[in-house]
Amino acid sequence: MSWIYYLIETNLYLAIFYGFYRLFLCKETFYAINRYYLIATTAIAFVLPFFEVGFLKKPVPSVIAYIPTDGIDQIYFQAPQIEVHANEPTVTIAQVVTAIYL
């Protein structure tokens, strides 16, 4: 898991938990329960991305090649080929976003 995906997922969980708090719990007078909820959900939001729910990750497509050999049909799965260009920037967008976030 990359650092930027961890931060995005953590912030998303924090927003969801806080939205639930604002919708249902902010008017309650049980202040101790509200405090425990906010502390617990903050800790859960930082731990939950390690379980890799995966709705933010892009699926990796696989290329299927059909190659008949000796009268027996076989299907081979090949990983997608990644092209590397020599003139790519040394600083990526993910590094810039991480630096801004920090």
PDB file of N, CA and C in Angstrom:
ATOM      1  N   MET A   1       0.852  -1.171   0.000  1.00  0.00           N
ATOM      2  CA  MET A   1       0.000   0.000   0.000  1.00  0.00           C
ATOM      3  C   MET A   1       0.898   1.235   0.000  1.00  0.00           C
ATOM      4  N   SER A   2       0.581   2.168  -0.856  1.00  0.00           N
ATOM      5  CA  SER A   2       1.379   3.383  -0.885  1.00  0.00           C
ATOM      6  C   SER A   2       0.895   4.355   0.182  1.00  0.00           C
ATOM      7  N   TRP A   3       1.754   5.275   0.501  1.00  0.00           N
ATOM      8  CA  TRP A   3       1.492   6.234   1.566  1.00  0.00           C
ATOM      9  C   TRP A   3       0.294   7.123   1.224  1.00  0.00           C
ATOM     10  N   ILE A   4       0.175   7.527  -0.021  1.00  0.00           N
ATOM     11  CA  ILE A   4      -0.914   8.430  -0.402  1.00  0.00           C
ATOM     12  C   ILE A   4      -2.267   7.734  -0.305  1.00  0.00           C
ATOM     13  N   TYR A   5      -2.329   6.455  -0.684  1.00  0.00           N
ATOM     14  CA  TYR A   5      -3.599   5.726  -0.556  1.00  0.00           C
ATOM     15  C   TYR A   5      -3.973   5.540   0.906  1.00  0.00           C
ATOM     16  N   TYR A   6      -2.974   5.339   1.759  1.00  0.00           N
ATOM     17  CA  TYR A   6      -3.245   5.224   3.193  1.00  0.00           C
ATOM     18  C   TYR A   6      -3.852   6.518   3.723  1.00  0.00           C
ATOM     19  N   LEU A   7      -3.267   7.653   3.337  1.00  0.00           N
ATOM     20  CA  LEU A   7      -3.780   8.938   3.804  1.00  0.00           C
ATOM     21  C   LEU A   7      -5.183   9.212   3.267  1.00  0.00           C
ATOM     22  N   ILE A   8      -5.437   8.879   2.015  1.00  0.00           N
ATOM     23  CA  ILE A   8      -6.761   9.096   1.431  1.00  0.00           C
ATOM     24  C   ILE A   8      -7.796   8.245   2.148  1.00  0.00           C
ATOM     25  N   GLU A   9      -7.486   6.967   2.358  1.00  0.00           N
ATOM     26  CA  GLU A   9      -8.445   6.095   3.034  1.00  0.00           C
ATOM     27  C   GLU A   9      -8.672   6.529   4.476  1.00  0.00           C
ATOM     28  N   THR A  10      -7.607   6.928   5.171  1.00  0.00           N
ATOM     29  CA  THR A  10      -7.755   7.383   6.555  1.00  0.00           C
ATOM     30  C   THR A  10      -8.647   8.616   6.624  1.00  0.00           C
ATOM     31  N   ASN A  11      -8.416   9.576   5.746  1.00  0.00           N
ATOM     32  CA  ASN A  11      -9.246  10.780   5.742  1.00  0.00           C
ATOM     33  C   ASN A  11     -10.687  10.476   5.360  1.00  0.00           C
ATOM     34  N   LEU A  12     -10.878   9.527   4.462  1.00  0.00           N
ATOM     35  CA  LEU A  12     -12.233   9.143   4.083  1.00  0.00           C
ATOM     36  C   LEU A  12     -12.972   8.522   5.266  1.00  0.00           C
ATOM     37  N   TYR A  13     -12.301   7.624   5.996  1.00  0.00           N
ATOM     38  CA  TYR A  13     -12.931   7.024   7.171  1.00  0.00           C
ATOM     39  C   TYR A  13     -13.199   8.059   8.254  1.00  0.00           C
ATOM     40  N   LEU A  14     -12.270   8.993   8.450  1.00  0.00           N
ATOM     41  CA  LEU A  14     -12.503  10.051   9.429  1.00  0.00           C
ATOM     42  C   LEU A  14     -13.723  10.889   9.054  1.00  0.00           C
ATOM     43  N   ALA A  15     -13.858  11.201   7.780  1.00  0.00           N
ATOM     44  CA  ALA A  15     -15.010  11.988   7.327  1.00  0.00           C
ATOM     45  C   ALA A  15     -16.317  11.220   7.522  1.00  0.00           C
ATOM     46  N   ILE A  16     -16.299   9.926   7.233  1.00  0.00           N
ATOM     47  CA  ILE A  16     -17.510   9.112   7.404  1.00  0.00           C
ATOM     48  C   ILE A  16     -17.895   9.034   8.875  1.00  0.00           C
ATOM     49  N   PHE A  17     -16.924   8.763   9.745  1.00  0.00           N
ATOM     50  CA  PHE A  17     -17.209   8.667  11.175  1.00  0.00           C
ATOM     51  C   PHE A  17     -17.672  10.007  11.742  1.00  0.00           C
ATOM     52  N   TYR A  18     -17.044  11.089  11.299  1.00  0.00           N
ATOM     53  CA  TYR A  18     -17.451  12.401  11.780  1.00  0.00           C
ATOM     54  C   TYR A  18     -18.845  12.772  11.256  1.00  0.00           C
ATOM     55  N   GLY A  19     -19.142  12.412  10.016  1.00  0.00           N
ATOM     56  CA  GLY A  19     -20.487  12.651   9.489  1.00  0.00           C
ATOM     57  C   GLY A  19     -21.547  11.907  10.278  1.00  0.00           C
ATOM     58  N   PHE A  20     -21.251  10.662  10.658  1.00  0.00           N
ATOM     59  CA  PHE A  20     -22.172   9.901  11.505  1.00  0.00           C
ATOM     60  C   PHE A  20     -22.344  10.600  12.855  1.00  0.00           C
ATOM     61  N   TYR A  21     -21.241  11.099  13.408  1.00  0.00           N
ATOM     62  CA  TYR A  21     -21.309  11.809  14.689  1.00  0.00           C
ATOM     63  C   TYR A  21     -22.182  13.055  14.568  1.00  0.00           C
ATOM     64  N   ARG A  22     -21.971  13.830  13.502  1.00  0.00           N
ATOM     65  CA  ARG A  22     -22.751  15.069  13.344  1.00  0.00           C
ATOM     66  C   ARG A  22     -24.231  14.791  13.097  1.00  0.00           C
ATOM     67  N   LEU A  23     -24.537  13.689  12.397  1.00  0.00           N
ATOM     68  CA  LEU A  23     -25.936  13.376  12.117  1.00  0.00           C
ATOM     69  C   LEU A  23     -26.677  12.845  13.344  1.00  0.00           C
ATOM     70  N   PHE A  24     -26.027  12.017  14.135  1.00  0.00           N
ATOM     71  CA  PHE A  24     -26.751  11.294  15.164  1.00  0.00           C
ATOM     72  C   PHE A  24     -26.330  11.603  16.601  1.00  0.00           C
ATOM     73  N   LEU A  25     -25.113  12.022  16.834  1.00  0.00           N
ATOM     74  CA  LEU A  25     -24.633  12.083  18.214  1.00  0.00           C
ATOM     75  C   LEU A  25     -24.315  13.478  18.742  1.00  0.00           C
ATOM     76  N   CYS A  26     -24.224  14.491  17.908  1.00  0.00           N
ATOM     77  CA  CYS A  26     -23.753  15.784  18.396  1.00  0.00           C
ATOM     78  C   CYS A  26     -24.747  16.455  19.343  1.00  0.00           C
ATOM     79  N   LYS A  27     -26.029  16.170  19.259  1.00  0.00           N
ATOM     80  CA  LYS A  27     -27.036  16.782  20.129  1.00  0.00           C
ATOM     81  C   LYS A  27     -27.260  16.002  21.424  1.00  0.00           C
ATOM     82  N   GLU A  28     -26.632  14.836  21.524  1.00  0.00           N
ATOM     83  CA  GLU A  28     -26.818  14.019  22.721  1.00  0.00           C
ATOM     84  C   GLU A  28     -26.099  14.648  23.914  1.00  0.00           C
ATOM     85  N   THR A  29     -26.620  14.412  25.100  1.00  0.00           N
ATOM     86  CA  THR A  29     -26.021  14.971  26.309  1.00  0.00           C
ATOM     87  C   THR A  29     -25.115  13.985  27.030  1.00  0.00           C
ATOM     88  N   PHE A  30     -24.902  12.818  26.449  1.00  0.00           N
ATOM     89  CA  PHE A  30     -23.983  11.844  27.021  1.00  0.00           C
ATOM     90  C   PHE A  30     -22.572  12.184  26.539  1.00  0.00           C
ATOM     91  N   TYR A  31     -21.965  13.168  27.183  1.00  0.00           N
ATOM     92  CA  TYR A  31     -20.687  13.687  26.713  1.00  0.00           C
ATOM     93  C   TYR A  31     -19.570  12.652  26.801  1.00  0.00           C
ATOM     94  N   ALA A  32     -19.602  11.818  27.812  1.00  0.00           N
ATOM     95  CA  ALA A  32     -18.562  10.797  27.951  1.00  0.00           C
ATOM     96  C   ALA A  32     -18.642   9.799  26.804  1.00  0.00           C
ATOM     97  N   ILE A  33     -19.848   9.389  26.434  1.00  0.00           N
ATOM     98  CA  ILE A  33     -20.018   8.452  25.325  1.00  0.00           C
ATOM     99  C   ILE A  33     -19.580   9.096  24.008  1.00  0.00           C
ATOM    100  N   ASN A  34     -19.937  10.366  23.827  1.00  0.00           N
ATOM    101  CA  ASN A  34     -19.505  11.073  22.613  1.00  0.00           C
ATOM    102  C   ASN A  34     -17.983  11.146  22.540  1.00  0.00           C
ATOM    103  N   ARG A  35     -17.339  11.433  23.655  1.00  0.00           N
ATOM    104  CA  ARG A  35     -15.882  11.514  23.695  1.00  0.00           C
ATOM    105  C   ARG A  35     -15.256  10.167  23.356  1.00  0.00           C
ATOM    106  N   TYR A  36     -15.797   9.081  23.952  1.00  0.00           N
ATOM    107  CA  TYR A  36     -15.264   7.748  23.655  1.00  0.00           C
ATOM    108  C   TYR A  36     -15.489   7.371  22.192  1.00  0.00           C
ATOM    109  N   TYR A  37     -16.621   7.770  21.651  1.00  0.00           N
ATOM    110  CA  TYR A  37     -16.892   7.494  20.235  1.00  0.00           C
ATOM    111  C   TYR A  37     -15.867   8.196  19.344  1.00  0.00           C
ATOM    112  N   LEU A  38     -15.618   9.474  19.611  1.00  0.00           N
ATOM    113  CA  LEU A  38     -14.679  10.228  18.775  1.00  0.00           C
ATOM    114  C   LEU A  38     -13.254   9.682  18.887  1.00  0.00           C
ATOM    115  N   ILE A  39     -12.836   9.319  20.085  1.00  0.00           N
ATOM    116  CA  ILE A  39     -11.487   8.761  20.266  1.00  0.00           C
ATOM    117  C   ILE A  39     -11.379   7.399  19.597  1.00  0.00           C
ATOM    118  N   ALA A  40     -12.383   6.546  19.794  1.00  0.00           N
ATOM    119  CA  ALA A  40     -12.345   5.194  19.224  1.00  0.00           C
ATOM    120  C   ALA A  40     -12.380   5.228  17.699  1.00  0.00           C
ATOM    121  N   THR A  41     -13.244   6.067  17.127  1.00  0.00           N
ATOM    122  CA  THR A  41     -13.330   6.103  15.669  1.00  0.00           C
ATOM    123  C   THR A  41     -12.081   6.721  15.043  1.00  0.00           C
ATOM    124  N   THR A  42     -11.410   7.623  15.752  1.00  0.00           N
ATOM    125  CA  THR A  42     -10.150   8.159  15.247  1.00  0.00           C
ATOM    126  C   THR A  42      -9.104   7.051  15.180  1.00  0.00           C
ATOM    127  N   ALA A  43      -9.020   6.251  16.240  1.00  0.00           N
ATOM    128  CA  ALA A  43      -8.070   5.135  16.244  1.00  0.00           C
ATOM    129  C   ALA A  43      -8.431   4.106  15.176  1.00  0.00           C
ATOM    130  N   ILE A  44      -9.723   3.816  15.030  1.00  0.00           N
ATOM    131  CA  ILE A  44     -10.173   2.839  14.020  1.00  0.00           C
ATOM    132  C   ILE A  44      -9.867   3.349  12.616  1.00  0.00           C
ATOM    133  N   ALA A  45     -10.022   4.655  12.379  1.00  0.00           N
ATOM    134  CA  ALA A  45      -9.770   5.218  11.054  1.00  0.00           C
ATOM    135  C   ALA A  45      -8.304   5.069  10.650  1.00  0.00           C
ATOM    136  N   PHE A  46      -7.392   5.093  11.629  1.00  0.00           N
ATOM    137  CA  PHE A  46      -5.984   4.935  11.305  1.00  0.00           C
ATOM    138  C   PHE A  46      -5.584   3.471  11.138  1.00  0.00           C
ATOM    139  N   VAL A  47      -6.354   2.554  11.713  1.00  0.00           N
ATOM    140  CA  VAL A  47      -6.030   1.129  11.629  1.00  0.00           C
ATOM    141  C   VAL A  47      -6.745   0.464  10.454  1.00  0.00           C
ATOM    142  N   LEU A  48      -7.939   0.909  10.140  1.00  0.00           N
ATOM    143  CA  LEU A  48      -8.780   0.279   9.116  1.00  0.00           C
ATOM    144  C   LEU A  48      -8.142   0.185   7.730  1.00  0.00           C
ATOM    145  N   PRO A  49      -7.361   1.156   7.258  1.00  0.00           N
ATOM    146  CA  PRO A  49      -6.749   1.011   5.930  1.00  0.00           C
ATOM    147  C   PRO A  49      -5.763  -0.144   5.814  1.00  0.00           C
ATOM    148  N   PHE A  50      -5.228  -0.629   6.925  1.00  0.00           N
ATOM    149  CA  PHE A  50      -4.303  -1.758   6.858  1.00  0.00           C
ATOM    150  C   PHE A  50      -5.008  -3.059   6.499  1.00  0.00           C
ATOM    151  N   PHE A  51      -6.322  -3.116   6.656  1.00  0.00           N
ATOM    152  CA  PHE A  51      -7.073  -4.311   6.289  1.00  0.00           C
ATOM    153  C   PHE A  51      -7.372  -4.363   4.805  1.00  0.00           C
ATOM    154  N   GLU A  52      -7.005  -3.335   4.066  1.00  0.00           N
ATOM    155  CA  GLU A  52      -7.108  -3.254   2.610  1.00  0.00           C
ATOM    156  C   GLU A  52      -8.496  -3.611   2.096  1.00  0.00           C
ATOM    157  N   VAL A  53      -9.433  -2.727   2.403  1.00  0.00           N
ATOM    158  CA  VAL A  53     -10.782  -2.886   1.884  1.00  0.00           C
ATOM    159  C   VAL A  53     -10.741  -2.825   0.365  1.00  0.00           C
ATOM    160  N   GLY A  54      -9.967  -1.912  -0.192  1.00  0.00           N
ATOM    161  CA  GLY A  54      -9.641  -1.932  -1.603  1.00  0.00           C
ATOM    162  C   GLY A  54     -10.588  -1.226  -2.546  1.00  0.00           C
ATOM    163  N   PHE A  55     -11.497  -0.396  -2.075  1.00  0.00           N
ATOM    164  CA  PHE A  55     -12.382   0.268  -3.032  1.00  0.00           C
ATOM    165  C   PHE A  55     -11.700   1.444  -3.704  1.00  0.00           C
ATOM    166  N   LEU A  56     -10.523   1.848  -3.232  1.00  0.00           N
ATOM    167  CA  LEU A  56      -9.797   2.923  -3.895  1.00  0.00           C
ATOM    168  C   LEU A  56      -8.722   2.422  -4.846  1.00  0.00           C
ATOM    169  N   LYS A  57      -8.463   1.161  -4.817  1.00  0.00           N
ATOM    170  CA  LYS A  57      -7.410   0.603  -5.665  1.00  0.00           C
ATOM    171  C   LYS A  57      -7.954   0.246  -7.044  1.00  0.00           C
ATOM    172  N   LYS A  58      -7.152   0.499  -8.058  1.00  0.00           N
ATOM    173  CA  LYS A  58      -7.536   0.154  -9.418  1.00  0.00           C
ATOM    174  C   LYS A  58      -7.266  -1.327  -9.655  1.00  0.00           C
ATOM    175  N   PRO A  59      -8.183  -2.033 -10.286  1.00  0.00           N
ATOM    176  CA  PRO A  59      -7.894  -3.435 -10.601  1.00  0.00           C
ATOM    177  C   PRO A  59      -6.837  -3.523 -11.697  1.00  0.00           C
ATOM    178  N   VAL A  60      -5.950  -4.483 -11.569  1.00  0.00           N
ATOM    179  CA  VAL A  60      -4.902  -4.672 -12.562  1.00  0.00           C
ATOM    180  C   VAL A  60      -5.435  -5.599 -13.647  1.00  0.00           C
ATOM    181  N   PRO A  61      -5.590  -5.098 -14.868  1.00  0.00           N
ATOM    182  CA  PRO A  61      -6.107  -5.953 -15.930  1.00  0.00           C
ATOM    183  C   PRO A  61      -5.061  -6.971 -16.371  1.00  0.00           C
ATOM    184  N   SER A  62      -5.521  -8.140 -16.655  1.00  0.00           N
ATOM    185  CA  SER A  62      -4.604  -9.152 -17.177  1.00  0.00           C
ATOM    186  C   SER A  62      -4.924  -9.383 -18.655  1.00  0.00           C
ATOM    187  N   VAL A  63      -3.895  -9.628 -19.417  1.00  0.00           N
ATOM    188  CA  VAL A  63      -4.036  -9.850 -20.846  1.00  0.00           C
ATOM    189  C   VAL A  63      -4.107 -11.358 -21.076  1.00  0.00           C
ATOM    190  N   ILE A  64      -5.129 -11.800 -21.777  1.00  0.00           N
ATOM    191  CA  ILE A  64      -5.301 -13.223 -22.043  1.00  0.00           C
ATOM    192  C   ILE A  64      -4.864 -13.495 -23.479  1.00  0.00           C
ATOM    193  N   ALA A  65      -3.922 -14.409 -23.624  1.00  0.00           N
ATOM    194  CA  ALA A  65      -3.440 -14.783 -24.950  1.00  0.00           C
ATOM    195  C   ALA A  65      -3.889 -16.208 -25.241  1.00  0.00           C
ATOM    196  N   TYR A  66      -4.497 -16.425 -26.388  1.00  0.00           N
ATOM    197  CA  TYR A  66      -4.969 -17.746 -26.797  1.00  0.00           C
ATOM    198  C   TYR A  66      -3.967 -18.308 -27.791  1.00  0.00           C
ATOM    199  N   ILE A  67      -3.276 -19.369 -27.377  1.00  0.00           N
ATOM    200  CA  ILE A  67      -2.239 -19.960 -28.220  1.00  0.00           C
ATOM    201  C   ILE A  67      -2.514 -21.457 -28.356  1.00  0.00           C
ATOM    202  N   PRO A  68      -3.014 -21.909 -29.530  1.00  0.00           N
ATOM    203  CA  PRO A  68      -3.223 -23.349 -29.702  1.00  0.00           C
ATOM    204  C   PRO A  68      -1.892 -24.054 -30.002  1.00  0.00           C
ATOM    205  N   THR A  69      -1.647 -25.169 -29.317  1.00  0.00           N
ATOM    206  CA  THR A  69      -0.413 -25.925 -29.541  1.00  0.00           C
ATOM    207  C   THR A  69      -0.730 -27.412 -29.604  1.00  0.00           C
ATOM    208  N   ASP A  70      -0.245 -28.098 -30.612  1.00  0.00           N
ATOM    209  CA  ASP A  70      -0.351 -29.552 -30.771  1.00  0.00           C
ATOM    210  C   ASP A  70      -1.781 -30.075 -30.619  1.00  0.00           C
ATOM    211  N   GLY A  71      -2.721 -29.351 -31.092  1.00  0.00           N
ATOM    212  CA  GLY A  71      -4.099 -29.809 -31.004  1.00  0.00           C
ATOM    213  C   GLY A  71      -4.730 -29.611 -29.634  1.00  0.00           C
ATOM    214  N   ILE A  72      -3.961 -29.197 -28.646  1.00  0.00           N
ATOM    215  CA  ILE A  72      -4.493 -28.940 -27.305  1.00  0.00           C
ATOM    216  C   ILE A  72      -4.558 -27.431 -27.135  1.00  0.00           C
ATOM    217  N   ASP A  73      -5.745 -26.962 -26.794  1.00  0.00           N
ATOM    218  CA  ASP A  73      -5.920 -25.525 -26.612  1.00  0.00           C
ATOM    219  C   ASP A  73      -5.488 -25.151 -25.198  1.00  0.00           C
ATOM    220  N   GLN A  74      -4.623 -24.153 -25.111  1.00  0.00           N
ATOM    221  CA  GLN A  74      -4.155 -23.679 -23.817  1.00  0.00           C
ATOM    222  C   GLN A  74      -4.323 -22.167 -23.760  1.00  0.00           C
ATOM    223  N   ILE A  75      -4.615 -21.700 -22.581  1.00  0.00           N
ATOM    224  CA  ILE A  75      -4.756 -20.264 -22.366  1.00  0.00           C
ATOM    225  C   ILE A  75      -3.677 -19.832 -21.388  1.00  0.00           C
ATOM    226  N   TYR A  76      -2.922 -18.806 -21.763  1.00  0.00           N
ATOM    227  CA  TYR A  76      -1.865 -18.285 -20.921  1.00  0.00           C
ATOM    228  C   TYR A  76      -2.275 -16.902 -20.438  1.00  0.00           C
ATOM    229  N   PHE A  77      -2.043 -16.621 -19.158  1.00  0.00           N
ATOM    230  CA  PHE A  77      -2.308 -15.309 -18.597  1.00  0.00           C
ATOM    231  C   PHE A  77      -0.983 -14.563 -18.502  1.00  0.00           C
ATOM    232  N   GLN A  78      -0.976 -13.373 -19.072  1.00  0.00           N
ATOM    233  CA  GLN A  78       0.244 -12.589 -19.059  1.00  0.00           C
ATOM    234  C   GLN A  78      -0.004 -11.287 -18.316  1.00  0.00           C
ATOM    235  N   ALA A  79       0.979 -10.864 -17.566  1.00  0.00           N
ATOM    236  CA  ALA A  79       0.882  -9.590 -16.860  1.00  0.00           C
ATOM    237  C   ALA A  79       1.016  -8.463 -17.885  1.00  0.00           C
ATOM    238  N   PRO A  80       0.343  -7.341 -17.657  1.00  0.00           N
ATOM    239  CA  PRO A  80       0.456  -6.226 -18.594  1.00  0.00           C
ATOM    240  C   PRO A  80       1.882  -5.672 -18.613  1.00  0.00           C
ATOM    241  N   GLN A  81       2.319  -5.291 -19.780  1.00  0.00           N
ATOM    242  CA  GLN A  81       3.667  -4.760 -19.945  1.00  0.00           C
ATOM    243  C   GLN A  81       3.647  -3.266 -19.634  1.00  0.00           C
ATOM    244  N   ILE A  82       4.600  -2.840 -18.837  1.00  0.00           N
ATOM    245  CA  ILE A  82       4.693  -1.434 -18.462  1.00  0.00           C
ATOM    246  C   ILE A  82       5.860  -0.818 -19.221  1.00  0.00           C
ATOM    247  N   GLU A  83       5.561   0.262 -19.919  1.00  0.00           N
ATOM    248  CA  GLU A  83       6.604   0.937 -20.686  1.00  0.00           C
ATOM    249  C   GLU A  83       7.248   2.012 -19.816  1.00  0.00           C
ATOM    250  N   VAL A  84       8.552   2.072 -19.857  1.00  0.00           N
ATOM    251  CA  VAL A  84       9.298   3.066 -19.093  1.00  0.00           C
ATOM    252  C   VAL A  84       9.872   4.071 -20.074  1.00  0.00           C
ATOM    253  N   HIS A  85       9.563   5.324 -19.840  1.00  0.00           N
ATOM    254  CA  HIS A  85      10.051   6.383 -20.706  1.00  0.00           C
ATOM    255  C   HIS A  85      11.222   7.069 -20.014  1.00  0.00           C
ATOM    256  N   ALA A  86      12.226   7.433 -20.782  1.00  0.00           N
ATOM    257  CA  ALA A  86      13.442   8.016 -20.219  1.00  0.00           C
ATOM    258  C   ALA A  86      13.236   9.442 -19.736  1.00  0.00           C
ATOM    259  N   ASN A  87      12.300  10.169 -20.299  1.00  0.00           N
ATOM    260  CA  ASN A  87      12.142  11.571 -19.948  1.00  0.00           C
ATOM    261  C   ASN A  87      10.962  11.814 -19.003  1.00  0.00           C
ATOM    262  N   GLU A  88      10.692  10.881 -18.103  1.00  0.00           N
ATOM    263  CA  GLU A  88       9.647  11.098 -17.104  1.00  0.00           C
ATOM    264  C   GLU A  88      10.168  12.052 -16.041  1.00  0.00           C
ATOM    265  N   PRO A  89       9.287  12.821 -15.409  1.00  0.00           N
ATOM    266  CA  PRO A  89       9.757  13.762 -14.386  1.00  0.00           C
ATOM    267  C   PRO A  89      10.280  13.011 -13.157  1.00  0.00           C
ATOM    268  N   THR A  90      11.262  13.617 -12.510  1.00  0.00           N
ATOM    269  CA  THR A  90      11.838  12.967 -11.336  1.00  0.00           C
ATOM    270  C   THR A  90      10.942  13.129 -10.119  1.00  0.00           C
ATOM    271  N   VAL A  91      10.115  14.144 -10.100  1.00  0.00           N
ATOM    272  CA  VAL A  91       9.170  14.362  -9.010  1.00  0.00           C
ATOM    273  C   VAL A  91       7.781  13.996  -9.529  1.00  0.00           C
ATOM    274  N   THR A  92       7.143  13.052  -8.867  1.00  0.00           N
ATOM    275  CA  THR A  92       5.819  12.632  -9.306  1.00  0.00           C
ATOM    276  C   THR A  92       4.744  13.438  -8.602  1.00  0.00           C
ATOM    277  N   ILE A  93       3.535  13.326  -9.111  1.00  0.00           N
ATOM    278  CA  ILE A  93       2.411  14.025  -8.517  1.00  0.00           C
ATOM    279  C   ILE A  93       2.148  13.504  -7.100  1.00  0.00           C
ATOM    280  N   ALA A  94       2.309  12.206  -6.903  1.00  0.00           N
ATOM    281  CA  ALA A  94       2.093  11.625  -5.572  1.00  0.00           C
ATOM    282  C   ALA A  94       3.070  12.218  -4.552  1.00  0.00           C
ATOM    283  N   GLN A  95       4.308  12.464  -4.957  1.00  0.00           N
ATOM    284  CA  GLN A  95       5.276  13.060  -4.042  1.00  0.00           C
ATOM    285  C   GLN A  95       4.920  14.511  -3.726  1.00  0.00           C
ATOM    286  N   VAL A  96       4.419  15.242  -4.710  1.00  0.00           N
ATOM    287  CA  VAL A  96       4.020  16.625  -4.483  1.00  0.00           C
ATOM    288  C   VAL A  96       2.829  16.686  -3.539  1.00  0.00           C
ATOM    289  N   VAL A  97       1.841  15.832  -3.757  1.00  0.00           N
ATOM    290  CA  VAL A  97       0.650  15.813  -2.897  1.00  0.00           C
ATOM    291  C   VAL A  97       1.041  15.410  -1.483  1.00  0.00           C
ATOM    292  N   THR A  98       1.924  14.446  -1.338  1.00  0.00           N
ATOM    293  CA  THR A  98       2.377  14.033  -0.013  1.00  0.00           C
ATOM    294  C   THR A  98       3.104  15.156   0.685  1.00  0.00           C
ATOM    295  N   ALA A  99       3.958  15.876  -0.030  1.00  0.00           N
ATOM    296  CA  ALA A  99       4.692  17.003   0.568  1.00  0.00           C
ATOM    297  C   ALA A  99       3.747  18.117   0.995  1.00  0.00           C
ATOM    298  N   ILE A 100       2.738  18.423   0.180  1.00  0.00           N
ATOM    299  CA  ILE A 100       1.755  19.439   0.518  1.00  0.00           C
ATOM    300  C   ILE A 100       0.943  19.009   1.732  1.00  0.00           C
ATOM    301  N   TYR A 101       0.574  17.728   1.757  1.00  0.00           N
ATOM    302  CA  TYR A 101      -0.215  17.218   2.873  1.00  0.00           C
ATOM    303  C   TYR A 101       0.569  17.287   4.191  1.00  0.00           C
ATOM    304  N   LEU A 102       1.841  16.920   4.113  1.00  0.00           N
ATOM    305  CA  LEU A 102       2.666  16.977   5.334  1.00  0.00           C
ATOM    306  C   LEU A 102       2.883  18.414   5.779  1.00  0.00           C
TER     307      LEU A 102
END
